[in-house]
């Protein structure tokens, strides 16, 4: 589903944010991406979505290169950044219809999916309100709905649980499991290690732009907790 091959990204000034990183996320995977602040997580995710260019390596989505076929790749993915940038002069429902128009979701299908996800995330009664009136958590929920309405094959999320209340976080976890049971793949970054340990079937740990561990969650953590493994692997001393 998502294959990252020898990805490298250097910013102006010579900072190498990602260094020769390779990962393979398969259908059905909930793949957690862990690292300290500035480790290269967001840079990697942005490269996978085609938002950020990179000078070395390649990224393939369903066998298509994000460099050579960006539009075809983007049709199959959904991305939610850690701080969703929404059009606040629109109402929630106007924004969702706008997203559905972009992905060519039929009116009957969009109506069904919007109602389904908005009800589950307890946002249905607020879809007629301006997004500018939404709290951060409500905006996060709207971004989630907008990511799901076209049934993406690959869902990429940057710190998806930030800003969500406990009930919504639980609902999101259930939705993620259900999506992967239906053949979707999920690749997401998080600082909440206990969530990653319980939720993800696979884990990757990145440090200073380099992949230092990856694979099945149980294999990566061994007999330790994921927090213990992470601290041990990322200890600069």
Protein backbone atom coordinates (compact mmCIF):
# COMPACT_ATOMS: atom_id res chain seq x y z
CA UNK A 1 0.00 0.00 0.00
CA UNK A 2 2.65 2.53 1.10
CA UNK A 3 6.29 1.88 0.31
CA UNK A 4 8.95 4.38 1.34
CA UNK A 5 12.29 3.68 -0.29
CA UNK A 6 15.53 5.36 0.83
CA UNK A 7 13.77 8.66 1.58
CA UNK A 8 16.05 11.60 2.35
CA UNK A 9 15.10 15.23 2.88
CA UNK A 10 17.48 18.11 3.59
CA UNK A 11 16.22 21.58 4.42
CA UNK A 12 17.89 24.85 3.54
CA UNK A 13 20.87 25.38 5.79
CA UNK A 14 21.92 21.76 5.52
CA UNK A 15 19.66 20.21 8.16
CA UNK A 16 19.00 16.60 7.15
CA UNK A 17 15.51 15.95 8.51
CA UNK A 18 15.15 12.41 7.11
CA UNK A 19 18.11 10.20 6.25
CA UNK A 20 17.74 7.15 3.99
CA UNK A 21 14.48 5.96 5.53
CA UNK A 22 12.66 2.88 4.18
CA UNK A 23 9.32 1.49 5.40
CA UNK A 24 6.53 -0.68 4.02
CA UNK A 25 2.96 -0.26 5.26
CA UNK A 26 0.61 -2.98 4.05
CA UNK A 27 -3.20 -3.13 3.83
CA UNK A 28 -4.59 -3.88 7.29
CA UNK A 29 -1.64 -2.29 9.11
CA UNK A 30 -2.05 0.26 11.87
CA UNK A 31 1.53 1.50 11.78
CA UNK A 32 2.70 3.81 14.57
CA UNK A 33 5.52 6.27 13.88
CA UNK A 34 7.36 7.36 17.02
CA UNK A 35 10.15 9.81 17.70
CA UNK A 36 11.12 12.85 19.73
CA UNK A 37 10.31 16.39 18.57
CA UNK A 38 12.32 17.17 15.45
CA UNK A 39 13.09 13.51 14.73
CA UNK A 40 11.65 13.70 11.20
CA UNK A 41 8.15 12.29 11.69
CA UNK A 42 6.15 15.17 10.21
CA UNK A 43 8.63 15.62 7.37
CA UNK A 44 8.15 11.96 6.44
CA UNK A 45 4.36 12.20 6.58
CA UNK A 46 4.30 15.36 4.47
CA UNK A 47 6.53 13.69 1.89
CA UNK A 48 4.18 10.70 1.77
CA UNK A 49 1.23 12.97 0.98
CA UNK A 50 3.03 14.86 -1.78
CA UNK A 51 2.94 18.13 0.17
CA UNK A 52 6.69 18.22 0.68
CA UNK A 53 9.24 17.50 -2.02
CA UNK A 54 12.35 15.41 -1.34
CA UNK A 55 15.64 15.03 -3.13
CA UNK A 56 16.46 11.34 -2.67
CA UNK A 57 14.49 8.10 -2.72
CA UNK A 58 10.89 7.55 -3.70
CA UNK A 59 7.48 6.91 -2.19
CA UNK A 60 4.92 4.58 -3.75
CA UNK A 61 1.20 4.36 -3.01
CA UNK A 62 -0.45 1.28 -4.49
CA UNK A 63 2.58 0.98 -6.77
CA UNK A 64 2.38 4.57 -8.05
CA UNK A 65 5.10 7.13 -7.40
CA UNK A 66 4.05 10.21 -5.43
CA UNK A 67 6.58 12.14 -7.53
CA UNK A 68 5.47 10.93 -10.95
CA UNK A 69 1.73 10.45 -10.36
CA UNK A 70 0.82 12.78 -7.49
CA UNK A 71 -2.85 13.24 -8.39
CA UNK A 72 -3.48 9.52 -8.79
CA UNK A 73 -1.79 8.87 -5.45
CA UNK A 74 -3.75 11.58 -3.65
CA UNK A 75 -7.03 10.07 -4.82
CA UNK A 76 -6.27 7.06 -2.65
CA UNK A 77 -5.12 8.79 0.53
CA UNK A 78 -6.38 11.08 3.26
CA UNK A 79 -4.14 13.19 5.48
CA UNK A 80 -4.92 14.90 8.77
CA UNK A 81 -2.18 17.24 10.09
CA UNK A 82 -1.69 17.87 13.79
CA UNK A 83 -3.36 21.28 13.44
CA UNK A 84 -6.04 21.09 10.72
CA UNK A 85 -6.23 24.25 8.59
CA UNK A 86 -9.93 24.50 7.72
CA UNK A 87 -11.92 27.16 5.87
CA UNK A 88 -13.47 28.92 8.84
CA UNK A 89 -15.85 31.06 6.77
CA UNK A 90 -17.70 27.88 5.73
CA UNK A 91 -20.11 25.85 7.80
CA UNK A 92 -19.17 22.29 8.66
CA UNK A 93 -21.51 20.81 6.07
CA UNK A 94 -20.32 23.23 3.37
CA UNK A 95 -16.74 22.18 4.02
CA UNK A 96 -17.60 18.47 3.86
CA UNK A 97 -19.49 18.96 0.59
CA UNK A 98 -16.48 20.82 -0.79
CA UNK A 99 -14.23 17.87 0.05
CA UNK A 100 -16.74 15.44 -1.45
CA UNK A 101 -16.81 17.48 -4.66
CA UNK A 102 -13.02 17.27 -4.92
CA UNK A 103 -13.06 13.48 -4.55
CA UNK A 104 -16.16 13.12 -6.73
CA UNK A 105 -18.26 11.44 -4.05
CA UNK A 106 -21.88 11.11 -5.21
CA UNK A 107 -24.58 13.05 -3.35
CA UNK A 108 -26.30 9.93 -2.08
CA UNK A 109 -23.04 8.37 -0.86
CA UNK A 110 -21.78 11.56 0.78
CA UNK A 111 -25.05 12.11 2.60
CA UNK A 112 -24.92 8.62 4.07
CA UNK A 113 -21.26 8.81 5.08
CA UNK A 114 -21.42 12.33 6.52
CA UNK A 115 -24.40 11.43 8.69
CA UNK A 116 -22.75 8.19 9.79
CA UNK A 117 -19.42 9.70 10.85
CA UNK A 118 -20.86 12.95 12.23
CA UNK A 119 -23.26 11.00 14.43
CA UNK A 120 -20.54 8.70 15.72
CA UNK A 121 -18.26 11.66 16.51
CA UNK A 122 -21.14 13.68 17.98
CA UNK A 123 -20.82 16.55 15.51
CA UNK A 124 -24.08 16.11 13.61
CA UNK A 125 -25.91 18.94 15.39
CA UNK A 126 -23.06 21.38 14.69
CA UNK A 127 -22.60 20.89 10.93
CA UNK A 128 -24.73 23.95 10.18
CA UNK A 129 -22.49 26.19 12.31
CA UNK A 130 -19.55 28.21 11.01
CA UNK A 131 -16.23 26.43 11.49
CA UNK A 132 -14.93 29.63 13.10
CA UNK A 133 -17.21 28.87 16.06
CA UNK A 134 -15.78 25.36 16.54
CA UNK A 135 -13.46 24.39 19.37
CA UNK A 136 -10.15 22.73 18.54
CA UNK A 137 -11.65 19.32 19.28
CA UNK A 138 -14.63 19.98 17.00
CA UNK A 139 -12.31 21.05 14.19
CA UNK A 140 -10.34 17.83 14.69
CA UNK A 141 -13.57 15.84 14.39
CA UNK A 142 -14.56 17.70 11.22
CA UNK A 143 -11.13 16.99 9.74
CA UNK A 144 -11.59 13.31 10.55
CA UNK A 145 -14.96 13.19 8.82
CA UNK A 146 -13.54 14.97 5.77
CA UNK A 147 -10.76 12.38 5.62
CA UNK A 148 -13.15 9.45 5.69
CA UNK A 149 -15.93 10.53 3.30
CA UNK A 150 -14.15 9.24 0.20
CA UNK A 151 -13.13 5.91 1.81
CA UNK A 152 -9.35 6.28 1.41
CA UNK A 153 -7.16 3.23 0.98
CA UNK A 154 -4.42 4.90 3.03
CA UNK A 155 -4.99 7.17 6.03
CA UNK A 156 -2.04 9.29 7.19
CA UNK A 157 -2.37 11.16 10.48
CA UNK A 158 -0.04 13.44 12.44
CA UNK A 159 -0.80 13.23 16.18
CA UNK A 160 -4.48 12.33 15.62
CA UNK A 161 -5.44 12.06 19.30
CA UNK A 162 -4.37 15.59 20.26
CA UNK A 163 -7.41 17.68 21.13
CA UNK A 164 -9.88 14.79 21.22
CA UNK A 165 -11.79 14.01 24.40
CA UNK A 166 -11.51 10.46 25.81
CA UNK A 167 -14.78 9.31 24.25
CA UNK A 168 -13.82 10.61 20.80
CA UNK A 169 -10.36 9.05 21.12
CA UNK A 170 -11.97 5.70 21.88
CA UNK A 171 -14.32 6.12 18.91
CA UNK A 172 -11.40 6.95 16.61
CA UNK A 173 -9.53 3.83 17.69
CA UNK A 174 -12.59 1.72 16.90
CA UNK A 175 -12.93 3.39 13.50
CA UNK A 176 -9.26 2.76 12.74
CA UNK A 177 -9.63 -0.95 13.51
CA UNK A 178 -12.75 -1.19 11.37
CA UNK A 179 -11.09 0.58 8.43
CA UNK A 180 -8.11 -1.77 8.54
CA UNK A 181 -10.39 -4.81 8.73
CA UNK A 182 -11.83 -3.55 5.43
CA UNK A 183 -8.38 -3.36 3.81
CA UNK A 184 -7.29 0.19 4.59
CA UNK A 185 -3.78 0.99 5.86
CA UNK A 186 -3.06 3.59 8.54
CA UNK A 187 0.25 5.34 9.15
CA UNK A 188 0.32 7.83 12.01
CA UNK A 189 2.70 9.64 14.31
CA UNK A 190 2.10 9.90 18.03
CA UNK A 191 3.75 10.81 21.30
CA UNK A 192 1.21 8.76 23.27
CA UNK A 193 3.24 5.58 23.61
CA UNK A 194 0.70 3.53 25.55
CA UNK A 195 -1.87 4.19 22.82
CA UNK A 196 0.62 3.12 20.14
CA UNK A 197 1.51 -0.01 22.09
CA UNK A 198 -2.13 -1.12 22.41
CA UNK A 199 -3.41 0.08 19.03
CA UNK A 200 -0.65 -0.61 16.51
CA UNK A 201 0.28 -3.98 15.05
CA UNK A 202 3.54 -2.42 13.78
CA UNK A 203 5.83 0.31 15.08
CA UNK A 204 8.70 2.38 13.67
CA UNK A 205 11.02 4.50 15.82
CA UNK A 206 12.93 7.38 14.24
CA UNK A 207 15.82 9.34 15.75
CA UNK A 208 17.55 12.30 14.14
CA UNK A 209 16.01 11.41 10.78
CA UNK A 210 17.16 7.79 10.85
CA UNK A 211 15.05 4.70 11.37
CA UNK A 212 16.40 2.84 14.40
CA UNK A 213 13.72 0.17 14.83
CA UNK A 214 10.68 -1.13 12.93
CA UNK A 215 8.48 -4.18 12.71
CA UNK A 216 5.78 -6.00 14.63
CA UNK A 217 4.99 -4.19 17.88
CA UNK A 218 5.70 -7.22 20.08
CA UNK A 219 9.04 -7.80 18.35
CA UNK A 220 10.14 -4.17 18.68
CA UNK A 221 9.35 -3.91 22.38
CA UNK A 222 10.35 -7.45 23.37
CA UNK A 223 9.76 -7.99 27.10
CA UNK A 224 9.83 -4.26 27.87
CA UNK A 225 7.13 -1.64 27.57
CA UNK A 226 7.20 0.51 24.46
CA UNK A 227 8.06 3.50 26.64
CA UNK A 228 11.12 1.70 28.06
CA UNK A 229 12.26 0.66 24.57
CA UNK A 230 11.76 4.17 23.20
CA UNK A 231 13.71 5.83 26.03
CA UNK A 232 16.51 3.29 25.74
CA UNK A 233 16.83 3.66 21.97
CA UNK A 234 16.60 7.46 21.90
CA UNK A 235 18.88 8.13 24.89
CA UNK A 236 21.62 10.44 23.62
CA UNK A 237 23.96 9.25 26.31
